[in-house]
Amino acid sequence: MLIDRSQIEAWLREDLGHHDVTNQVPGETTGRLVAKEAGVSAGLEAASAVFAYLDPDIEIEFRVAEGDRIESGTVVLTVDGAAREVLRGERCAVNIVAHASGIATRTRAAVDAAREVSDTVEIACTRKTTPGLRGLEKRAVVAGGGDTHRLDLSHMVMVKDNHIAELGMERAIERLSERASFATKIEVEVETPEDGARAADSGADIVLFDNMSPRDVEHGVTMLPDAVLSETSGGITIADVPDYATTGVDVISMGSLTHSAPALDYSFQTG
């Protein structure tokens, strides 16, 4: 996993400041990153990149893989090296893994809920990510078994309500399709089942049924051609996932996977 050097520098600058006296500790040590509750591991490669930046000679060992289910007490990562650098990287590494593991854990819960009723529906995240942390958060979703959806605006054209309000659905689809590569899919967000059929007739590759009940989503899906993918989103909770997964929709997208996942509790122990 490639972590941008400038991002690591920003993380460490934020935590260490200009004059870190606290961690002026001599000698060598071993550090262990330990889970304090059950969940799904993620963010380990990003955490290891922090330690490697501080000291290329630090020995890093992954004790679990990204996406593994872990229990309270599981050691997920160990580092051996200069005590000063191990301690300097401690808080940054813990925060990264805790945040990413929380997202992976929430994603896995949503995937498990979907699998209770469907073997095929995908659970996806959205662009509702923390500024500067999108790469970390999207990878955490993948670790939890979900799909990244659009990484950024260049990955797919999405015709949303504001575009339709400005241009009308058909004109918006036509205008944006003309400006997109042949390899770029066009997704259209609709607010009624009938508008899904209109979007498909106008050239949409994917129809997003937004803020609709499971019953309305199911109705909308039945009106789409087989070649058009279907997606639903809009305040869907993990408890709601089974009801939406039975509609025949292809993708359930959930902003809460990234913006509302609680951090998984970790502890960093040395000596």
C-alpha atoms as a PDB file:
ATOM      1  CA  MET A   1       0.000   0.000   0.000  1.00  0.00           C
ATOM      2  CA  LEU A   2       1.471   3.344  -0.997  1.00  0.00           C
ATOM      3  CA  ILE A   3       1.047   6.124   1.563  1.00  0.00           C
ATOM      4  CA  ASP A   4       1.986   9.592   0.413  1.00  0.00           C
ATOM      5  CA  ARG A   5       5.058  10.819   2.301  1.00  0.00           C
ATOM      6  CA  SER A   6       3.599  14.291   2.717  1.00  0.00           C
ATOM      7  CA  GLN A   7       0.511  12.813   4.374  1.00  0.00           C
ATOM      8  CA  ILE A   8       2.618  10.942   6.924  1.00  0.00           C
ATOM      9  CA  GLU A   9       4.576  14.138   7.584  1.00  0.00           C
ATOM     10  CA  ALA A  10       1.328  16.030   8.177  1.00  0.00           C
ATOM     11  CA  TRP A  11       0.068  13.362  10.591  1.00  0.00           C
ATOM     12  CA  LEU A  12       3.290  13.432  12.591  1.00  0.00           C
ATOM     13  CA  ARG A  13       3.636  17.226  12.523  1.00  0.00           C
ATOM     14  CA  GLU A  14       0.146  17.505  13.973  1.00  0.00           C
ATOM     15  CA  ASP A  15       0.978  15.166  16.858  1.00  0.00           C
ATOM     16  CA  LEU A  16       4.663  15.844  17.596  1.00  0.00           C
ATOM     17  CA  GLY A  17       4.777  19.592  17.197  1.00  0.00           C
ATOM     18  CA  HIS A  18       8.100  21.441  17.190  1.00  0.00           C
ATOM     19  CA  HIS A  19       9.730  20.232  20.410  1.00  0.00           C
ATOM     20  CA  ASP A  20       8.798  16.751  21.604  1.00  0.00           C
ATOM     21  CA  VAL A  21      10.472  16.228  24.993  1.00  0.00           C
ATOM     22  CA  THR A  22       8.097  13.482  26.132  1.00  0.00           C
ATOM     23  CA  ASN A  23       9.587  10.764  23.944  1.00  0.00           C
ATOM     24  CA  GLN A  24      13.300  11.436  24.463  1.00  0.00           C
ATOM     25  CA  VAL A  25      13.809   7.871  25.667  1.00  0.00           C
ATOM     26  CA  PRO A  26      17.102   6.024  24.994  1.00  0.00           C
ATOM     27  CA  GLY A  27      17.621   2.418  23.981  1.00  0.00           C
ATOM     28  CA  GLU A  28      15.601  -0.140  22.088  1.00  0.00           C
ATOM     29  CA  THR A  29      12.078  -1.436  22.708  1.00  0.00           C
ATOM     30  CA  THR A  30       9.305  -3.628  21.357  1.00  0.00           C
ATOM     31  CA  GLY A  31       5.869  -2.163  20.790  1.00  0.00           C
ATOM     32  CA  ARG A  32       2.641  -4.138  20.464  1.00  0.00           C
ATOM     33  CA  LEU A  33      -0.630  -2.809  19.051  1.00  0.00           C
ATOM     34  CA  VAL A  34      -3.368  -4.682  20.884  1.00  0.00           C
ATOM     35  CA  ALA A  35      -7.113  -4.729  20.213  1.00  0.00           C
ATOM     36  CA  LYS A  36      -9.233  -4.048  23.286  1.00  0.00           C
ATOM     37  CA  GLU A  37     -12.472  -5.166  21.659  1.00  0.00           C
ATOM     38  CA  ALA A  38     -13.610  -7.512  18.901  1.00  0.00           C
ATOM     39  CA  GLY A  39     -13.913  -6.232  15.357  1.00  0.00           C
ATOM     40  CA  VAL A  40     -12.269  -6.258  11.924  1.00  0.00           C
ATOM     41  CA  SER A  41      -8.683  -5.103  11.425  1.00  0.00           C
ATOM     42  CA  ALA A  42      -7.737  -2.333   8.988  1.00  0.00           C
ATOM     43  CA  GLY A  43      -5.214   0.478   8.616  1.00  0.00           C
ATOM     44  CA  LEU A  44      -2.223  -1.684   9.522  1.00  0.00           C
ATOM     45  CA  GLU A  45      -0.209  -0.851   6.421  1.00  0.00           C
ATOM     46  CA  ALA A  46      -0.749   2.865   6.959  1.00  0.00           C
ATOM     47  CA  ALA A  47       0.353   2.538  10.588  1.00  0.00           C
ATOM     48  CA  SER A  48       3.456   0.613   9.583  1.00  0.00           C
ATOM     49  CA  ALA A  49       4.306   3.348   7.078  1.00  0.00           C
ATOM     50  CA  VAL A  50       4.404   5.842   9.959  1.00  0.00           C
ATOM     51  CA  PHE A  51       6.980   3.800  11.861  1.00  0.00           C
ATOM     52  CA  ALA A  52       9.011   3.169   8.700  1.00  0.00           C
ATOM     53  CA  TYR A  53       9.081   6.912   8.015  1.00  0.00           C
ATOM     54  CA  LEU A  54      10.385   7.662  11.507  1.00  0.00           C
ATOM     55  CA  ASP A  55      13.100   5.003  11.297  1.00  0.00           C
ATOM     56  CA  PRO A  56      13.688   2.730   8.287  1.00  0.00           C
ATOM     57  CA  ASP A  57      15.511   0.297  10.615  1.00  0.00           C
ATOM     58  CA  ILE A  58      12.424  -0.404  12.748  1.00  0.00           C
ATOM     59  CA  GLU A  59      11.333  -4.031  12.316  1.00  0.00           C
ATOM     60  CA  ILE A  60       7.599  -4.324  11.702  1.00  0.00           C
ATOM     61  CA  GLU A  61       5.565  -7.532  11.869  1.00  0.00           C
ATOM     62  CA  PHE A  62       1.907  -7.889  10.936  1.00  0.00           C
ATOM     63  CA  ARG A  63       0.269 -10.403  13.259  1.00  0.00           C
ATOM     64  CA  VAL A  64      -3.058 -10.352  11.402  1.00  0.00           C
ATOM     65  CA  ALA A  65      -4.091  -9.394   7.877  1.00  0.00           C
ATOM     66  CA  GLU A  66      -6.220  -6.451   6.797  1.00  0.00           C
ATOM     67  CA  GLY A  67      -9.845  -7.560   7.022  1.00  0.00           C
ATOM     68  CA  ASP A  68      -9.305 -10.316   9.600  1.00  0.00           C
ATOM     69  CA  ARG A  69     -11.831 -10.680  12.373  1.00  0.00           C
ATOM     70  CA  ILE A  70     -10.089 -10.071  15.687  1.00  0.00           C
ATOM     71  CA  GLU A  71     -10.950 -10.548  19.349  1.00  0.00           C
ATOM     72  CA  SER A  72     -10.182  -8.448  22.396  1.00  0.00           C
ATOM     73  CA  GLY A  73      -6.539  -9.055  23.308  1.00  0.00           C
ATOM     74  CA  THR A  74      -5.379  -9.786  19.749  1.00  0.00           C
ATOM     75  CA  VAL A  75      -1.937  -8.368  18.948  1.00  0.00           C
ATOM     76  CA  VAL A  76      -2.305  -6.997  15.418  1.00  0.00           C
ATOM     77  CA  LEU A  77       1.122  -5.393  14.893  1.00  0.00           C
ATOM     78  CA  THR A  78       4.543  -5.419  16.558  1.00  0.00           C
ATOM     79  CA  VAL A  79       7.468  -3.060  16.061  1.00  0.00           C
ATOM     80  CA  ASP A  80      11.071  -3.418  17.257  1.00  0.00           C
ATOM     81  CA  GLY A  81      13.548  -0.567  17.224  1.00  0.00           C
ATOM     82  CA  ALA A  82      14.712   2.670  18.793  1.00  0.00           C
ATOM     83  CA  ALA A  83      12.454   3.503  21.742  1.00  0.00           C
ATOM     84  CA  ARG A  84      12.335   7.184  20.796  1.00  0.00           C
ATOM     85  CA  GLU A  85      10.951   6.547  17.330  1.00  0.00           C
ATOM     86  CA  VAL A  86       8.607   3.777  18.414  1.00  0.00           C
ATOM     87  CA  LEU A  87       7.095   6.077  21.026  1.00  0.00           C
ATOM     88  CA  ARG A  88       6.914   9.000  18.613  1.00  0.00           C
ATOM     89  CA  GLY A  89       4.854   6.943  16.185  1.00  0.00           C
ATOM     90  CA  GLU A  90       2.626   5.334  18.798  1.00  0.00           C
ATOM     91  CA  ARG A  91      -0.356   7.701  18.953  1.00  0.00           C
ATOM     92  CA  CYS A  92      -0.525   8.325  15.227  1.00  0.00           C
ATOM     93  CA  ALA A  93      -0.475   4.573  14.529  1.00  0.00           C
ATOM     94  CA  VAL A  94      -3.127   3.835  17.142  1.00  0.00           C
ATOM     95  CA  ASN A  95      -5.433   6.547  15.825  1.00  0.00           C
ATOM     96  CA  ILE A  96      -5.084   5.352  12.228  1.00  0.00           C
ATOM     97  CA  VAL A  97      -5.772   1.707  13.023  1.00  0.00           C
ATOM     98  CA  ALA A  98      -8.601   2.507  15.430  1.00  0.00           C
ATOM     99  CA  HIS A  99     -10.383   4.690  12.879  1.00  0.00           C
ATOM    100  CA  ALA A 100      -9.856   2.329   9.948  1.00  0.00           C
ATOM    101  CA  SER A 101     -10.810  -0.759  11.964  1.00  0.00           C
ATOM    102  CA  GLY A 102     -14.011   0.937  13.107  1.00  0.00           C
ATOM    103  CA  ILE A 103     -14.978   1.502   9.468  1.00  0.00           C
ATOM    104  CA  ALA A 104     -14.057  -2.065   8.501  1.00  0.00           C
ATOM    105  CA  THR A 105     -16.055  -3.425  11.436  1.00  0.00           C
ATOM    106  CA  ARG A 106     -19.152  -1.422  10.533  1.00  0.00           C
ATOM    107  CA  THR A 107     -18.821  -2.426   6.888  1.00  0.00           C
ATOM    108  CA  ARG A 108     -18.546  -6.114   7.771  1.00  0.00           C
ATOM    109  CA  ALA A 109     -21.698  -5.832   9.887  1.00  0.00           C
ATOM    110  CA  ALA A 110     -23.562  -4.363   6.906  1.00  0.00           C
ATOM    111  CA  VAL A 111     -22.232  -7.057   4.558  1.00  0.00           C
ATOM    112  CA  ASP A 112     -23.226  -9.778   7.022  1.00  0.00           C
ATOM    113  CA  ALA A 113     -26.724  -8.295   7.291  1.00  0.00           C
ATOM    114  CA  ALA A 114     -27.038  -8.296   3.482  1.00  0.00           C
ATOM    115  CA  ARG A 115     -25.834 -11.900   3.217  1.00  0.00           C
ATOM    116  CA  GLU A 116     -28.678 -13.026   5.463  1.00  0.00           C
ATOM    117  CA  VAL A 117     -31.020 -12.544   2.493  1.00  0.00           C
ATOM    118  CA  SER A 118     -28.880 -12.084  -0.631  1.00  0.00           C
ATOM    119  CA  ASP A 119     -25.671 -13.578  -1.985  1.00  0.00           C
ATOM    120  CA  THR A 120     -25.153 -10.915  -4.630  1.00  0.00           C
ATOM    121  CA  VAL A 121     -26.064  -7.412  -3.420  1.00  0.00           C
ATOM    122  CA  GLU A 122     -23.022  -5.177  -2.893  1.00  0.00           C
ATOM    123  CA  ILE A 123     -22.494  -2.888   0.094  1.00  0.00           C
ATOM    124  CA  ALA A 124     -20.733   0.323  -0.956  1.00  0.00           C
ATOM    125  CA  CYS A 125     -19.535   3.510   0.694  1.00  0.00           C
ATOM    126  CA  THR A 126     -19.860   7.056  -0.651  1.00  0.00           C
ATOM    127  CA  ARG A 127     -17.780  10.242  -0.943  1.00  0.00           C
ATOM    128  CA  LYS A 128     -18.831  11.207   2.595  1.00  0.00           C
ATOM    129  CA  THR A 129     -15.293  10.794   3.861  1.00  0.00           C
ATOM    130  CA  THR A 130     -13.018  12.785   6.167  1.00  0.00           C
ATOM    131  CA  PRO A 131     -10.984  15.342   4.168  1.00  0.00           C
ATOM    132  CA  GLY A 132      -7.448  14.033   3.787  1.00  0.00           C
ATOM    133  CA  LEU A 133      -8.367  10.500   4.861  1.00  0.00           C
ATOM    134  CA  ARG A 134     -10.361   9.226   1.892  1.00  0.00           C
ATOM    135  CA  GLY A 135      -7.734   6.703   0.815  1.00  0.00           C
ATOM    136  CA  LEU A 136      -7.480   5.258   4.310  1.00  0.00           C
ATOM    137  CA  GLU A 137     -11.244   5.130   4.766  1.00  0.00           C
ATOM    138  CA  LYS A 138     -11.994   3.626   1.361  1.00  0.00           C
ATOM    139  CA  ARG A 139      -9.389   0.896   1.923  1.00  0.00           C
ATOM    140  CA  ALA A 140     -10.982   0.187   5.293  1.00  0.00           C
ATOM    141  CA  VAL A 141     -14.336  -0.355   3.569  1.00  0.00           C
ATOM    142  CA  VAL A 142     -12.673  -2.882   1.257  1.00  0.00           C
ATOM    143  CA  ALA A 143     -11.117  -4.619   4.276  1.00  0.00           C
ATOM    144  CA  GLY A 144     -14.627  -4.976   5.680  1.00  0.00           C
ATOM    145  CA  GLY A 145     -15.907  -6.575   2.479  1.00  0.00           C
ATOM    146  CA  GLY A 146     -17.497  -3.497   0.914  1.00  0.00           C
ATOM    147  CA  ASP A 147     -17.042  -1.651  -2.360  1.00  0.00           C
ATOM    148  CA  THR A 148     -15.322   1.737  -2.681  1.00  0.00           C
ATOM    149  CA  HIS A 149     -17.886   3.182  -5.148  1.00  0.00           C
ATOM    150  CA  ARG A 150     -16.391   6.368  -6.670  1.00  0.00           C
ATOM    151  CA  LEU A 151     -12.950   7.181  -5.321  1.00  0.00           C
ATOM    152  CA  ASP A 152     -13.357  10.693  -6.697  1.00  0.00           C
ATOM    153  CA  LEU A 153     -15.423  12.619  -9.244  1.00  0.00           C
ATOM    154  CA  SER A 154     -13.346  11.374 -12.172  1.00  0.00           C
ATOM    155  CA  HIS A 155     -14.319   7.742 -11.681  1.00  0.00           C
ATOM    156  CA  MET A 156     -17.929   8.039 -12.764  1.00  0.00           C
ATOM    157  CA  VAL A 157     -20.415  10.677 -13.879  1.00  0.00           C
ATOM    158  CA  MET A 158     -23.262  10.956 -11.403  1.00  0.00           C
ATOM    159  CA  VAL A 159     -26.250  13.063 -12.432  1.00  0.00           C
ATOM    160  CA  LYS A 160     -27.697  14.241  -9.131  1.00  0.00           C
ATOM    161  CA  ASP A 161     -30.738  16.258  -8.107  1.00  0.00           C
ATOM    162  CA  ASN A 162     -28.925  19.576  -8.486  1.00  0.00           C
ATOM    163  CA  HIS A 163     -27.904  18.776 -12.062  1.00  0.00           C
ATOM    164  CA  ILE A 164     -31.467  17.777 -12.888  1.00  0.00           C
ATOM    165  CA  ALA A 165     -32.811  20.944 -11.254  1.00  0.00           C
ATOM    166  CA  GLU A 166     -30.488  23.042 -13.433  1.00  0.00           C
ATOM    167  CA  LEU A 167     -30.811  21.217 -16.745  1.00  0.00           C
ATOM    168  CA  GLY A 168     -33.635  18.690 -16.583  1.00  0.00           C
ATOM    169  CA  MET A 169     -32.947  14.965 -16.522  1.00  0.00           C
ATOM    170  CA  GLU A 170     -32.672  14.232 -20.230  1.00  0.00           C
ATOM    171  CA  ARG A 171     -30.567  17.293 -21.019  1.00  0.00           C
ATOM    172  CA  ALA A 172     -28.278  16.680 -18.033  1.00  0.00           C
ATOM    173  CA  ILE A 173     -27.662  13.075 -19.080  1.00  0.00           C
ATOM    174  CA  GLU A 174     -27.009  14.104 -22.666  1.00  0.00           C
ATOM    175  CA  ARG A 175     -24.695  16.994 -21.778  1.00  0.00           C
ATOM    176  CA  LEU A 176     -22.571  15.071 -19.292  1.00  0.00           C
ATOM    177  CA  SER A 177     -22.451  11.953 -21.466  1.00  0.00           C
ATOM    178  CA  GLU A 178     -21.029  14.020 -24.336  1.00  0.00           C
ATOM    179  CA  ARG A 179     -18.186  15.172 -22.084  1.00  0.00           C
ATOM    180  CA  ALA A 180     -17.335  11.792 -20.576  1.00  0.00           C
ATOM    181  CA  SER A 181     -14.979   9.140 -21.907  1.00  0.00           C
ATOM    182  CA  PHE A 182     -16.497   6.098 -23.583  1.00  0.00           C
ATOM    183  CA  ALA A 183     -15.148   4.114 -20.621  1.00  0.00           C
ATOM    184  CA  THR A 184     -16.918   6.247 -17.998  1.00  0.00           C
ATOM    185  CA  LYS A 185     -20.258   5.045 -16.682  1.00  0.00           C
ATOM    186  CA  ILE A 186     -23.206   7.382 -16.211  1.00  0.00           C
ATOM    187  CA  GLU A 187     -25.246   7.079 -13.021  1.00  0.00           C
ATOM    188  CA  VAL A 188     -28.467   9.003 -12.461  1.00  0.00           C
ATOM    189  CA  GLU A 189     -30.013   9.705  -9.064  1.00  0.00           C
ATOM    190  CA  VAL A 190     -33.829   9.556  -9.065  1.00  0.00           C
ATOM    191  CA  GLU A 191     -36.505  10.152  -6.469  1.00  0.00           C
ATOM    192  CA  THR A 192     -39.371   8.028  -7.838  1.00  0.00           C
ATOM    193  CA  PRO A 193     -39.504   4.511  -9.329  1.00  0.00           C
ATOM    194  CA  GLU A 194     -40.882   5.913 -12.583  1.00  0.00           C
ATOM    195  CA  ASP A 195     -37.961   8.327 -12.937  1.00  0.00           C
ATOM    196  CA  GLY A 196     -35.648   5.316 -12.856  1.00  0.00           C
ATOM    197  CA  ALA A 197     -37.178   4.042 -16.074  1.00  0.00           C
ATOM    198  CA  ARG A 198     -36.868   7.530 -17.619  1.00  0.00           C
ATOM    199  CA  ALA A 199     -33.199   7.661 -16.696  1.00  0.00           C
ATOM    200  CA  ALA A 200     -32.551   4.242 -18.219  1.00  0.00           C
ATOM    201  CA  ASP A 201     -34.329   5.239 -21.435  1.00  0.00           C
ATOM    202  CA  SER A 202     -32.153   8.391 -21.581  1.00  0.00           C
ATOM    203  CA  GLY A 203     -28.884   6.486 -21.412  1.00  0.00           C
ATOM    204  CA  ALA A 204     -28.097   5.831 -17.750  1.00  0.00           C
ATOM    205  CA  ASP A 205     -25.823   2.867 -17.045  1.00  0.00           C
ATOM    206  CA  ILE A 206     -26.763   2.876 -13.360  1.00  0.00           C
ATOM    207  CA  VAL A 207     -29.879   4.183 -11.635  1.00  0.00           C
ATOM    208  CA  LEU A 208     -29.681   5.300  -8.012  1.00  0.00           C
ATOM    209  CA  PHE A 209     -32.996   5.138  -6.154  1.00  0.00           C
ATOM    210  CA  ASP A 210     -32.484   7.769  -3.461  1.00  0.00           C
ATOM    211  CA  ASN A 211     -34.388   8.056  -0.185  1.00  0.00           C
ATOM    212  CA  MET A 212     -37.051   5.511  -1.129  1.00  0.00           C
ATOM    213  CA  SER A 213     -38.733   2.764   0.844  1.00  0.00           C
ATOM    214  CA  PRO A 214     -37.792  -0.856   0.084  1.00  0.00           C
ATOM    215  CA  ARG A 215     -41.166  -1.294  -1.592  1.00  0.00           C
ATOM    216  CA  ASP A 216     -40.563   1.633  -3.958  1.00  0.00           C
ATOM    217  CA  VAL A 217     -37.022   0.467  -4.704  1.00  0.00           C
ATOM    218  CA  GLU A 218     -38.327  -2.978  -5.611  1.00  0.00           C
ATOM    219  CA  HIS A 219     -40.892  -1.401  -7.922  1.00  0.00           C
ATOM    220  CA  GLY A 220     -38.218   0.745  -9.549  1.00  0.00           C
ATOM    221  CA  VAL A 221     -35.875  -2.207 -10.089  1.00  0.00           C
ATOM    222  CA  THR A 222     -38.584  -4.161 -11.925  1.00  0.00           C
ATOM    223  CA  MET A 223     -38.895  -1.360 -14.491  1.00  0.00           C
ATOM    224  CA  LEU A 224     -35.203  -1.290 -15.424  1.00  0.00           C
ATOM    225  CA  PRO A 225     -33.677  -3.156 -18.393  1.00  0.00           C
ATOM    226  CA  ASP A 226     -31.417  -6.050 -17.392  1.00  0.00           C
ATOM    227  CA  ALA A 227     -28.335  -4.180 -18.637  1.00  0.00           C
ATOM    228  CA  VAL A 228     -28.861  -1.258 -16.230  1.00  0.00           C
ATOM    229  CA  LEU A 229     -27.475  -1.612 -12.724  1.00  0.00           C
ATOM    230  CA  SER A 230     -29.546  -0.458  -9.759  1.00  0.00           C
ATOM    231  CA  GLU A 231     -28.426   1.198  -6.541  1.00  0.00           C
ATOM    232  CA  THR A 232     -30.198   2.560  -3.479  1.00  0.00           C
ATOM    233  CA  SER A 233     -29.053   4.968  -0.780  1.00  0.00           C
ATOM    234  CA  GLY A 234     -30.319   7.551   1.655  1.00  0.00           C
ATOM    235  CA  GLY A 235     -30.101   7.087   5.419  1.00  0.00           C
ATOM    236  CA  ILE A 236     -29.978   3.299   5.233  1.00  0.00           C
ATOM    237  CA  THR A 237     -28.907   1.750   8.539  1.00  0.00           C
ATOM    238  CA  ILE A 238     -27.459  -1.692   9.161  1.00  0.00           C
ATOM    239  CA  ALA A 239     -30.847  -2.738  10.564  1.00  0.00           C
ATOM    240  CA  ASP A 240     -32.454  -1.638   7.258  1.00  0.00           C
ATOM    241  CA  VAL A 241     -30.020  -3.554   5.040  1.00  0.00           C
ATOM    242  CA  PRO A 242     -31.917  -6.890   4.892  1.00  0.00           C
ATOM    243  CA  ASP A 243     -35.133  -5.152   3.792  1.00  0.00           C
ATOM    244  CA  TYR A 244     -33.324  -3.368   0.948  1.00  0.00           C
ATOM    245  CA  ALA A 245     -31.315  -6.455   0.022  1.00  0.00           C
ATOM    246  CA  THR A 246     -34.522  -8.340  -0.778  1.00  0.00           C
ATOM    247  CA  THR A 247     -35.610  -5.761  -3.392  1.00  0.00           C
ATOM    248  CA  GLY A 248     -33.369  -7.110  -6.154  1.00  0.00           C
ATOM    249  CA  VAL A 249     -31.209  -3.961  -6.113  1.00  0.00           C
ATOM    250  CA  ASP A 250     -27.569  -4.493  -7.111  1.00  0.00           C
ATOM    251  CA  VAL A 251     -25.885  -2.033  -4.721  1.00  0.00           C
ATOM    252  CA  ILE A 252     -26.738  -0.576  -1.317  1.00  0.00           C
ATOM    253  CA  SER A 253     -24.601   2.491  -0.607  1.00  0.00           C
ATOM    254  CA  MET A 254     -24.217   3.843   2.910  1.00  0.00           C
ATOM    255  CA  GLY A 255     -22.495   7.090   3.885  1.00  0.00           C
ATOM    256  CA  SER A 256     -22.543   5.973   7.528  1.00  0.00           C
ATOM    257  CA  LEU A 257     -19.843   3.373   6.821  1.00  0.00           C
ATOM    258  CA  THR A 258     -17.291   6.180   6.833  1.00  0.00           C
ATOM    259  CA  HIS A 259     -18.876   9.194   8.497  1.00  0.00           C
ATOM    260  CA  SER A 260     -20.446   7.475  11.508  1.00  0.00           C
ATOM    261  CA  ALA A 261     -18.322   4.426  12.311  1.00  0.00           C
ATOM    262  CA  PRO A 262     -17.053   4.471  15.923  1.00  0.00           C
ATOM    263  CA  ALA A 263     -13.341   3.814  16.347  1.00  0.00           C
ATOM    264  CA  LEU A 264     -12.308   0.356  17.482  1.00  0.00           C
ATOM    265  CA  ASP A 265     -10.474   0.487  20.806  1.00  0.00           C
ATOM    266  CA  TYR A 266      -6.731  -0.293  20.706  1.00  0.00           C
ATOM    267  CA  SER A 267      -3.845  -0.046  23.141  1.00  0.00           C
ATOM    268  CA  PHE A 268      -0.136   0.330  22.375  1.00  0.00           C
ATOM    269  CA  GLN A 269       2.140  -1.449  24.856  1.00  0.00           C
ATOM    270  CA  THR A 270       5.941  -1.383  25.030  1.00  0.00           C
ATOM    271  CA  GLY A 271       8.667  -3.194  26.910  1.00  0.00           C
END
